[in-house]
Amino acid sequence: MVNGTLGRKLKGTILIAGGILLATPFPVPLPFNNTMPAIGVLIACIGELEEDGLMVYISIIWLSITALLFAGYYFSLWFFGKEAMTFLN
């Protein structure tokens, strides 16, 4: 799974998703803004070095949780608007 063509495409997708999450701008400081996607990329790199498919799947789950966290953050900013901005500052 990790060594074939599908594995290379999967790991490339993981690194691209992690890079996009790392580059996402936030209007206010968010704790663990860059740490959570970086941990996902780190786990994917460890999976690449060890040729371990489980670590690759763990990185997919980790980046999915991170994307959900970011989506929830942006949804709260959209839903609460100015009140959320004044609360977070």
C-alpha atoms as a PDB file:
ATOM      1  CA  MET A   1       0.000   0.000   0.000  1.00  0.00           C
ATOM      2  CA  VAL A   2       2.696   2.488   0.942  1.00  0.00           C
ATOM      3  CA  ASN A   3       5.235   1.537  -1.719  1.00  0.00           C
ATOM      4  CA  GLY A   4       3.059   1.418  -4.841  1.00  0.00           C
ATOM      5  CA  THR A   5       1.780   4.133  -7.116  1.00  0.00           C
ATOM      6  CA  LEU A   6      -1.352   4.576  -5.034  1.00  0.00           C
ATOM      7  CA  GLY A   7       0.776   4.994  -1.911  1.00  0.00           C
ATOM      8  CA  ARG A   8       2.897   7.699  -3.516  1.00  0.00           C
ATOM      9  CA  LYS A   9      -0.220   9.550  -4.657  1.00  0.00           C
ATOM     10  CA  LEU A  10      -1.753   9.213  -1.196  1.00  0.00           C
ATOM     11  CA  LYS A  11       1.350  10.570   0.522  1.00  0.00           C
ATOM     12  CA  GLY A  12       1.561  13.421  -1.980  1.00  0.00           C
ATOM     13  CA  THR A  13      -2.064  14.290  -1.237  1.00  0.00           C
ATOM     14  CA  ILE A  14      -1.317  14.235   2.492  1.00  0.00           C
ATOM     15  CA  LEU A  15       1.616  16.621   2.065  1.00  0.00           C
ATOM     16  CA  ILE A  16      -0.405  18.978  -0.140  1.00  0.00           C
ATOM     17  CA  ALA A  17      -3.306  19.001   2.343  1.00  0.00           C
ATOM     18  CA  GLY A  18      -0.911  19.641   5.215  1.00  0.00           C
ATOM     19  CA  GLY A  19       0.713  22.492   3.308  1.00  0.00           C
ATOM     20  CA  ILE A  20      -2.647  24.077   2.553  1.00  0.00           C
ATOM     21  CA  LEU A  21      -3.652  23.823   6.209  1.00  0.00           C
ATOM     22  CA  LEU A  22      -0.317  25.330   7.254  1.00  0.00           C
ATOM     23  CA  ALA A  23      -0.782  28.245   4.851  1.00  0.00           C
ATOM     24  CA  THR A  24      -4.366  29.014   5.912  1.00  0.00           C
ATOM     25  CA  PRO A  25      -4.532  32.605   7.181  1.00  0.00           C
ATOM     26  CA  PHE A  26      -6.394  33.372  10.398  1.00  0.00           C
ATOM     27  CA  PRO A  27      -7.749  36.809  11.303  1.00  0.00           C
ATOM     28  CA  VAL A  28      -6.981  36.303  15.005  1.00  0.00           C
ATOM     29  CA  PRO A  29      -4.342  34.150  16.721  1.00  0.00           C
ATOM     30  CA  LEU A  30      -5.451  30.547  17.137  1.00  0.00           C
ATOM     31  CA  PRO A  31      -3.663  28.152  19.499  1.00  0.00           C
ATOM     32  CA  PHE A  32      -1.995  25.255  17.652  1.00  0.00           C
ATOM     33  CA  ASN A  33      -2.606  27.024  14.329  1.00  0.00           C
ATOM     34  CA  ASN A  34       0.431  25.513  12.604  1.00  0.00           C
ATOM     35  CA  THR A  35       1.247  22.783  15.099  1.00  0.00           C
ATOM     36  CA  MET A  36      -1.649  20.456  14.285  1.00  0.00           C
ATOM     37  CA  PRO A  37      -1.053  20.282  10.497  1.00  0.00           C
ATOM     38  CA  ALA A  38       2.705  20.021  11.089  1.00  0.00           C
ATOM     39  CA  ILE A  39       2.174  16.996  13.342  1.00  0.00           C
ATOM     40  CA  GLY A  40       0.100  15.372  10.577  1.00  0.00           C
ATOM     41  CA  VAL A  41       2.881  15.941   8.052  1.00  0.00           C
ATOM     42  CA  LEU A  42       5.464  14.666  10.566  1.00  0.00           C
ATOM     43  CA  ILE A  43       3.483  11.466  11.103  1.00  0.00           C
ATOM     44  CA  ALA A  44       3.228  10.999   7.321  1.00  0.00           C
ATOM     45  CA  CYS A  45       6.995  11.449   6.988  1.00  0.00           C
ATOM     46  CA  ILE A  46       7.628   8.902   9.735  1.00  0.00           C
ATOM     47  CA  GLY A  47       5.304   6.518   7.910  1.00  0.00           C
ATOM     48  CA  GLU A  48       7.306   7.122   4.724  1.00  0.00           C
ATOM     49  CA  LEU A  49      10.630   6.459   6.429  1.00  0.00           C
ATOM     50  CA  GLU A  50       9.430   3.300   8.152  1.00  0.00           C
ATOM     51  CA  GLU A  51       7.256   2.204   5.204  1.00  0.00           C
ATOM     52  CA  ASP A  52       4.405   1.853   7.673  1.00  0.00           C
ATOM     53  CA  GLY A  53       0.882   2.110   6.279  1.00  0.00           C
ATOM     54  CA  LEU A  54      -0.658   2.551   9.733  1.00  0.00           C
ATOM     55  CA  MET A  55       1.250   5.786  10.289  1.00  0.00           C
ATOM     56  CA  VAL A  56       0.025   7.070   6.930  1.00  0.00           C
ATOM     57  CA  TYR A  57      -3.564   6.321   7.935  1.00  0.00           C
ATOM     58  CA  ILE A  58      -3.008   7.994  11.309  1.00  0.00           C
ATOM     59  CA  SER A  59      -1.761  11.106   9.495  1.00  0.00           C
ATOM     60  CA  ILE A  60      -4.888  11.097   7.308  1.00  0.00           C
ATOM     61  CA  ILE A  61      -7.075  10.922  10.409  1.00  0.00           C
ATOM     62  CA  TRP A  62      -5.011  13.642  12.128  1.00  0.00           C
ATOM     63  CA  LEU A  63      -5.266  16.004   9.151  1.00  0.00           C
ATOM     64  CA  SER A  64      -9.009  15.313   8.879  1.00  0.00           C
ATOM     65  CA  ILE A  65      -9.464  16.287  12.525  1.00  0.00           C
ATOM     66  CA  THR A  66      -7.378  19.404  11.905  1.00  0.00           C
ATOM     67  CA  ALA A  67      -9.487  20.341   8.877  1.00  0.00           C
ATOM     68  CA  LEU A  68     -12.658  19.890  10.946  1.00  0.00           C
ATOM     69  CA  LEU A  69     -11.195  22.093  13.683  1.00  0.00           C
ATOM     70  CA  PHE A  70     -10.348  24.814  11.163  1.00  0.00           C
ATOM     71  CA  ALA A  71     -13.785  24.518   9.544  1.00  0.00           C
ATOM     72  CA  GLY A  72     -15.450  24.840  12.952  1.00  0.00           C
ATOM     73  CA  TYR A  73     -13.329  27.881  13.702  1.00  0.00           C
ATOM     74  CA  TYR A  74     -14.258  29.605  10.446  1.00  0.00           C
ATOM     75  CA  PHE A  75     -17.914  28.622  10.867  1.00  0.00           C
ATOM     76  CA  SER A  76     -17.961  30.182  14.328  1.00  0.00           C
ATOM     77  CA  LEU A  77     -16.459  33.376  12.930  1.00  0.00           C
ATOM     78  CA  TRP A  78     -19.061  33.440  10.176  1.00  0.00           C
ATOM     79  CA  PHE A  79     -21.967  32.575  12.481  1.00  0.00           C
ATOM     80  CA  PHE A  80     -21.119  34.839  15.392  1.00  0.00           C
ATOM     81  CA  GLY A  81     -19.468  37.580  13.360  1.00  0.00           C
ATOM     82  CA  LYS A  82     -18.354  40.592  15.329  1.00  0.00           C
ATOM     83  CA  GLU A  83     -19.116  38.984  18.696  1.00  0.00           C
ATOM     84  CA  ALA A  84     -16.646  36.185  17.969  1.00  0.00           C
ATOM     85  CA  MET A  85     -13.942  38.641  16.924  1.00  0.00           C
ATOM     86  CA  THR A  86     -14.301  40.698  20.093  1.00  0.00           C
ATOM     87  CA  PHE A  87     -14.418  37.527  22.233  1.00  0.00           C
ATOM     88  CA  LEU A  88     -11.265  36.069  20.671  1.00  0.00           C
ATOM     89  CA  ASN A  89      -9.314  39.302  20.967  1.00  0.00           C
END
